[in-house]
C-alpha cells in the first residue's frame, strides 16, 4: 500500500509555489527552469502553471548533479 501511495505522489500536479517548496528553491527559480527549457508545464489552468512532481524532482536532481558532481540516491 505504501509503494502505491508513493506512485500517486509522483503523479500529483504542483503549482509553482508547491514545486519550489518541494525542492527548496523560489517560485522564480521554477519559472527560470521553464524559460530555459529544463522543465515543462504539465498543464495550465486559469493562467496558473502546474508541474508533475516527478518532473520537478528530476530537474532538481540534475541541477544538483551539475553543480556538485553528486546527486542523492532516489
N, C-alpha and C. Protein backbone atom coordinates (compact mmCIF):
# COMPACT_ATOMS: atom_id res chain seq x y z
N UNK A 1 0.82 -1.19 0.00
CA UNK A 1 0.00 0.00 0.00
C UNK A 1 0.87 1.27 0.00
N UNK A 2 1.94 1.26 0.75
CA UNK A 2 2.81 2.43 0.84
C UNK A 2 3.46 2.75 -0.50
N UNK A 3 3.92 1.73 -1.22
CA UNK A 3 4.53 1.95 -2.54
C UNK A 3 3.51 2.57 -3.48
N UNK A 4 2.29 2.10 -3.43
CA UNK A 4 1.24 2.65 -4.28
C UNK A 4 1.02 4.13 -3.97
N UNK A 5 1.06 4.50 -2.70
CA UNK A 5 0.91 5.90 -2.31
C UNK A 5 2.04 6.74 -2.87
N UNK A 6 3.27 6.21 -2.87
CA UNK A 6 4.41 6.93 -3.42
C UNK A 6 4.21 7.21 -4.91
N UNK A 7 3.68 6.25 -5.65
CA UNK A 7 3.43 6.45 -7.07
C UNK A 7 2.39 7.54 -7.29
N UNK A 8 1.36 7.57 -6.45
CA UNK A 8 0.35 8.60 -6.58
C UNK A 8 0.93 9.98 -6.28
N UNK A 9 1.85 10.07 -5.36
CA UNK A 9 2.50 11.34 -5.05
C UNK A 9 3.29 11.85 -6.25
N UNK A 10 3.96 10.95 -6.98
CA UNK A 10 4.74 11.35 -8.14
C UNK A 10 3.85 11.85 -9.27
N UNK A 11 2.62 11.38 -9.33
CA UNK A 11 1.68 11.80 -10.37
C UNK A 11 0.99 13.12 -10.03
N UNK A 12 1.12 13.58 -8.81
CA UNK A 12 0.42 14.78 -8.35
C UNK A 12 0.94 16.02 -9.08
N UNK A 13 0.02 16.92 -9.41
CA UNK A 13 0.40 18.17 -10.04
C UNK A 13 0.61 19.23 -8.97
N UNK A 14 1.67 20.02 -9.14
CA UNK A 14 2.04 21.04 -8.17
C UNK A 14 2.03 22.41 -8.81
N UNK A 15 1.62 23.42 -8.06
CA UNK A 15 1.75 24.81 -8.51
C UNK A 15 3.23 25.19 -8.44
N UNK A 16 3.56 26.34 -8.99
CA UNK A 16 4.95 26.82 -8.92
C UNK A 16 5.42 26.95 -7.47
N UNK A 17 4.54 27.45 -6.63
CA UNK A 17 4.90 27.63 -5.22
C UNK A 17 5.14 26.28 -4.54
N UNK A 18 4.25 25.33 -4.77
CA UNK A 18 4.41 24.00 -4.17
C UNK A 18 5.66 23.31 -4.69
N UNK A 19 5.91 23.44 -5.99
CA UNK A 19 7.10 22.84 -6.59
C UNK A 19 8.36 23.43 -5.97
N UNK A 20 8.37 24.75 -5.81
CA UNK A 20 9.52 25.43 -5.22
C UNK A 20 9.77 24.95 -3.78
N UNK A 21 8.70 24.82 -3.02
CA UNK A 21 8.83 24.35 -1.64
C UNK A 21 9.37 22.93 -1.58
N UNK A 22 8.95 22.10 -2.52
CA UNK A 22 9.38 20.71 -2.54
C UNK A 22 10.90 20.58 -2.66
N UNK A 23 11.50 21.43 -3.52
CA UNK A 23 12.95 21.30 -3.77
C UNK A 23 13.76 22.47 -3.20
N UNK A 24 13.13 23.24 -2.32
CA UNK A 24 13.82 24.31 -1.57
C UNK A 24 14.44 25.37 -2.47
N UNK A 25 13.65 25.83 -3.44
CA UNK A 25 14.04 26.97 -4.28
C UNK A 25 12.88 27.96 -4.26
N UNK A 26 13.02 29.07 -4.97
CA UNK A 26 11.94 30.06 -5.04
C UNK A 26 11.04 29.77 -6.24
N UNK A 27 9.81 30.27 -6.22
CA UNK A 27 8.96 30.14 -7.40
C UNK A 27 9.59 30.78 -8.65
N UNK A 28 10.36 31.84 -8.45
CA UNK A 28 11.07 32.47 -9.57
C UNK A 28 12.05 31.48 -10.21
N UNK A 29 12.70 30.68 -9.41
CA UNK A 29 13.62 29.66 -9.92
C UNK A 29 12.86 28.65 -10.79
N UNK A 30 11.69 28.25 -10.36
CA UNK A 30 10.87 27.33 -11.15
C UNK A 30 10.55 27.96 -12.50
N UNK A 31 10.18 29.25 -12.49
CA UNK A 31 9.88 29.94 -13.75
C UNK A 31 11.10 30.01 -14.66
N UNK A 32 12.28 30.19 -14.06
CA UNK A 32 13.52 30.20 -14.85
C UNK A 32 13.78 28.84 -15.48
N UNK A 33 13.53 27.78 -14.73
CA UNK A 33 13.71 26.43 -15.28
C UNK A 33 12.82 26.24 -16.50
N UNK A 34 11.59 26.77 -16.43
CA UNK A 34 10.67 26.66 -17.57
C UNK A 34 11.20 27.47 -18.75
N UNK A 35 11.60 28.71 -18.50
CA UNK A 35 12.06 29.58 -19.60
C UNK A 35 13.35 29.07 -20.23
N UNK A 36 14.17 28.37 -19.47
CA UNK A 36 15.42 27.81 -20.00
C UNK A 36 15.22 26.44 -20.64
N UNK A 37 14.02 25.91 -20.55
CA UNK A 37 13.71 24.64 -21.18
C UNK A 37 14.05 23.42 -20.35
N UNK A 38 14.39 23.60 -19.08
CA UNK A 38 14.70 22.47 -18.21
C UNK A 38 13.44 21.75 -17.75
N UNK A 39 12.33 22.47 -17.70
CA UNK A 39 11.09 21.97 -17.12
C UNK A 39 9.92 22.37 -18.01
N UNK A 40 9.00 21.43 -18.21
CA UNK A 40 7.79 21.71 -18.98
C UNK A 40 6.59 21.73 -18.04
N UNK A 41 5.66 22.61 -18.36
CA UNK A 41 4.41 22.64 -17.61
C UNK A 41 3.61 21.40 -17.98
N UNK A 42 2.99 20.79 -16.99
CA UNK A 42 2.12 19.65 -17.27
C UNK A 42 0.79 20.16 -17.81
N UNK A 43 0.34 21.28 -17.26
CA UNK A 43 -0.92 21.88 -17.70
C UNK A 43 -1.01 23.30 -17.18
N UNK A 44 -1.94 24.03 -17.72
CA UNK A 44 -2.25 25.38 -17.24
C UNK A 44 -3.73 25.43 -16.95
N UNK A 45 -4.09 26.12 -15.88
CA UNK A 45 -5.50 26.27 -15.52
C UNK A 45 -5.70 27.67 -14.98
N UNK A 46 -6.58 28.42 -15.63
CA UNK A 46 -6.87 29.80 -15.21
C UNK A 46 -5.60 30.62 -15.08
N UNK A 47 -4.69 30.45 -16.05
CA UNK A 47 -3.47 31.23 -16.07
C UNK A 47 -2.36 30.75 -15.14
N UNK A 48 -2.62 29.69 -14.40
CA UNK A 48 -1.61 29.15 -13.47
C UNK A 48 -0.97 27.91 -14.06
N UNK A 49 0.31 27.77 -13.89
CA UNK A 49 1.05 26.60 -14.37
C UNK A 49 1.09 25.52 -13.30
N UNK A 50 1.02 24.29 -13.75
CA UNK A 50 1.14 23.15 -12.86
C UNK A 50 2.16 22.18 -13.41
N UNK A 51 2.89 21.53 -12.52
CA UNK A 51 4.00 20.67 -12.88
C UNK A 51 3.86 19.30 -12.24
N UNK A 52 4.36 18.29 -12.93
CA UNK A 52 4.35 16.94 -12.35
C UNK A 52 5.46 16.86 -11.30
N UNK A 53 5.15 16.27 -10.17
CA UNK A 53 6.12 16.11 -9.09
C UNK A 53 7.37 15.41 -9.59
N UNK A 54 7.18 14.37 -10.37
CA UNK A 54 8.30 13.60 -10.90
C UNK A 54 9.24 14.48 -11.72
N UNK A 55 8.68 15.38 -12.53
CA UNK A 55 9.50 16.27 -13.36
C UNK A 55 10.30 17.25 -12.51
N UNK A 56 9.67 17.79 -11.48
CA UNK A 56 10.36 18.72 -10.58
C UNK A 56 11.55 18.02 -9.91
N UNK A 57 11.31 16.82 -9.41
CA UNK A 57 12.38 16.09 -8.73
C UNK A 57 13.52 15.75 -9.68
N UNK A 58 13.20 15.42 -10.91
CA UNK A 58 14.23 15.09 -11.90
C UNK A 58 15.09 16.31 -12.23
N UNK A 59 14.46 17.45 -12.46
CA UNK A 59 15.22 18.67 -12.76
C UNK A 59 16.11 19.04 -11.57
N UNK A 60 15.57 18.95 -10.37
CA UNK A 60 16.36 19.27 -9.18
C UNK A 60 17.55 18.33 -9.04
N UNK A 61 17.31 17.06 -9.26
CA UNK A 61 18.41 16.08 -9.17
C UNK A 61 19.50 16.38 -10.19
N UNK A 62 19.11 16.69 -11.42
CA UNK A 62 20.09 17.02 -12.46
C UNK A 62 20.84 18.30 -12.14
N UNK A 63 20.13 19.27 -11.56
CA UNK A 63 20.76 20.53 -11.16
C UNK A 63 21.83 20.29 -10.09
N UNK A 64 21.49 19.47 -9.13
CA UNK A 64 22.46 19.16 -8.06
C UNK A 64 23.67 18.41 -8.62
N UNK A 65 23.40 17.53 -9.54
CA UNK A 65 24.49 16.74 -10.13
C UNK A 65 25.45 17.65 -10.90
N UNK A 66 24.89 18.60 -11.67
CA UNK A 66 25.73 19.53 -12.43
C UNK A 66 26.54 20.43 -11.52
N UNK A 67 25.92 20.88 -10.42
CA UNK A 67 26.60 21.82 -9.53
C UNK A 67 27.68 21.16 -8.68
N UNK A 68 27.43 19.93 -8.24
CA UNK A 68 28.35 19.32 -7.28
C UNK A 68 29.02 18.06 -7.79
N UNK A 69 28.51 17.54 -8.91
CA UNK A 69 29.03 16.27 -9.38
C UNK A 69 28.45 15.10 -8.59
N UNK A 70 27.48 15.41 -7.73
CA UNK A 70 26.87 14.38 -6.87
C UNK A 70 25.38 14.64 -6.78
N UNK A 71 24.60 13.58 -6.73
CA UNK A 71 23.15 13.70 -6.52
C UNK A 71 22.72 12.63 -5.54
N UNK A 72 21.77 12.95 -4.68
CA UNK A 72 21.30 11.92 -3.72
C UNK A 72 20.64 10.78 -4.45
N UNK A 73 20.77 9.59 -3.89
CA UNK A 73 20.10 8.42 -4.48
C UNK A 73 18.61 8.53 -4.27
N UNK A 74 17.86 8.03 -5.26
CA UNK A 74 16.40 8.06 -5.11
C UNK A 74 15.88 6.78 -4.53
